[in-house]
Protein backbone atom coordinates (compact mmCIF):
# COMPACT_ATOMS: atom_id res chain seq x y z
CA MET A 1 34.41 -7.63 -40.27
CA THR A 2 31.70 -6.40 -42.59
CA ASP A 3 29.95 -8.66 -45.07
CA PRO A 4 30.22 -7.10 -48.56
CA ILE A 5 27.50 -9.41 -49.91
CA ASN A 6 24.88 -8.86 -47.20
CA PRO A 7 25.82 -5.63 -45.40
CA SER A 8 24.28 -4.54 -42.12
CA HIS A 9 22.18 -1.77 -43.68
CA TYR A 10 19.99 -4.55 -45.16
CA GLN A 11 19.85 -6.56 -41.93
CA ASN A 12 19.21 -4.03 -39.17
CA HIS A 13 15.49 -3.36 -39.61
CA PRO A 14 13.67 -3.45 -36.23
CA SER A 15 11.28 -6.09 -37.57
CA GLY A 16 14.14 -8.56 -38.02
CA VAL A 17 13.13 -9.00 -41.66
CA GLU A 18 15.82 -8.56 -44.29
CA CYS A 19 15.10 -6.34 -47.25
CA ILE A 20 15.68 -9.12 -49.78
CA GLN A 21 12.99 -11.27 -48.15
CA ILE A 22 10.48 -8.67 -49.33
CA THR A 23 12.00 -7.42 -52.58
CA GLU A 24 12.67 -10.83 -54.14
CA HIS A 25 8.91 -11.11 -54.66
CA MET A 26 8.71 -7.87 -56.67
CA ASN A 27 9.73 -6.75 -60.12
CA PHE A 28 13.05 -4.96 -60.54
CA CYS A 29 11.88 -1.34 -60.23
CA ARG A 30 9.58 -1.92 -57.28
CA GLY A 31 12.19 -4.01 -55.50
CA ASN A 32 14.87 -1.37 -55.96
CA ALA A 33 12.55 1.40 -54.78
CA ILE A 34 11.84 -0.58 -51.60
CA LYS A 35 15.57 -1.30 -51.17
CA TYR A 36 16.44 2.40 -51.27
CA LEU A 37 13.59 3.29 -48.91
CA TRP A 38 14.61 0.47 -46.58
CA ARG A 39 18.20 1.60 -46.28
CA ALA A 40 17.63 5.38 -46.51
CA GLY A 41 20.23 7.02 -44.35
CA GLU A 42 21.80 3.73 -43.20
CA LYS A 43 24.55 3.63 -45.83
CA GLY A 44 25.01 7.30 -46.56
CA ASP A 45 22.92 10.29 -47.57
CA ALA A 46 19.22 9.66 -46.85
CA ILE A 47 18.12 12.25 -49.41
CA GLU A 48 20.14 10.54 -52.14
CA ASP A 49 18.58 7.17 -51.25
CA LEU A 50 15.09 8.70 -51.33
CA ARG A 51 15.79 10.27 -54.73
CA LYS A 52 16.93 6.90 -56.04
CA ALA A 53 13.75 5.30 -54.69
CA ARG A 54 11.68 7.99 -56.42
CA TRP A 55 13.54 7.36 -59.69
CA TYR A 56 12.58 3.68 -59.60
CA VAL A 57 8.97 4.50 -58.65
CA ASP A 58 8.73 6.97 -61.56
CA ARG A 59 10.18 4.35 -63.92
CA GLU A 60 7.62 1.77 -62.75
CA ILE A 61 4.82 4.29 -63.28
CA GLN A 62 6.06 4.91 -66.83
CA ARG A 63 6.13 1.16 -67.48
CA LEU A 64 2.57 0.69 -66.22
CA GLU A 65 1.31 3.70 -68.17
CA PHE A 66 2.91 2.29 -71.34
CA ILE A 67 1.27 -1.10 -70.78
CA ALA A 68 -2.12 0.53 -70.18
CA LYS A 69 -1.77 2.67 -73.29
CA ASP A 70 -0.60 -0.27 -75.39
CA LYS A 71 -3.52 -2.41 -74.16
CA PHE A 72 -5.96 0.37 -75.04
CA ARG A 73 -4.39 0.65 -78.50
CA SER A 74 -4.66 -3.13 -79.02
CA GLU A 75 -8.34 -3.05 -78.09
CA GLU A 76 -8.93 -0.15 -80.52
CA ILE A 77 -7.35 -2.16 -83.33
CA LEU A 78 -9.53 -5.20 -82.62
CA ILE A 79 -12.73 -3.14 -82.55
CA GLY A 80 -11.70 -1.02 -85.53
CA GLU A 81 -11.14 -4.08 -87.71
CA GLY A 82 -14.50 -5.65 -86.91
CA LEU A 83 -13.09 -8.33 -84.67
CA GLU A 84 -15.22 -7.52 -81.63
CA GLY A 85 -16.14 -11.17 -81.10
CA ILE A 86 -12.57 -12.29 -80.50
CA GLN A 87 -11.75 -12.83 -76.85
CA LYS A 88 -8.90 -10.48 -76.07
CA ASP A 89 -7.82 -12.37 -72.95
CA ALA A 90 -7.68 -15.81 -74.58
């Protein structure tokens, strides 16, 4: 009988480590990318799993780029308004 909650394609890694033991320490996009890489070809089409992993990686890159851009913009505003002495990390 298969376990619908914790199927074998998450448990059969040669290391003995389950995917969730790694991904529960990551954010959503990184965890899902690892999940799809982990199970690639175990549940179905490996190419489809790899494309899904790439989709989550691309989404995480977009998130990080947005944060970096937004941080840069925030620093520009502080400097532009003569507030250079304010600690930005406080």
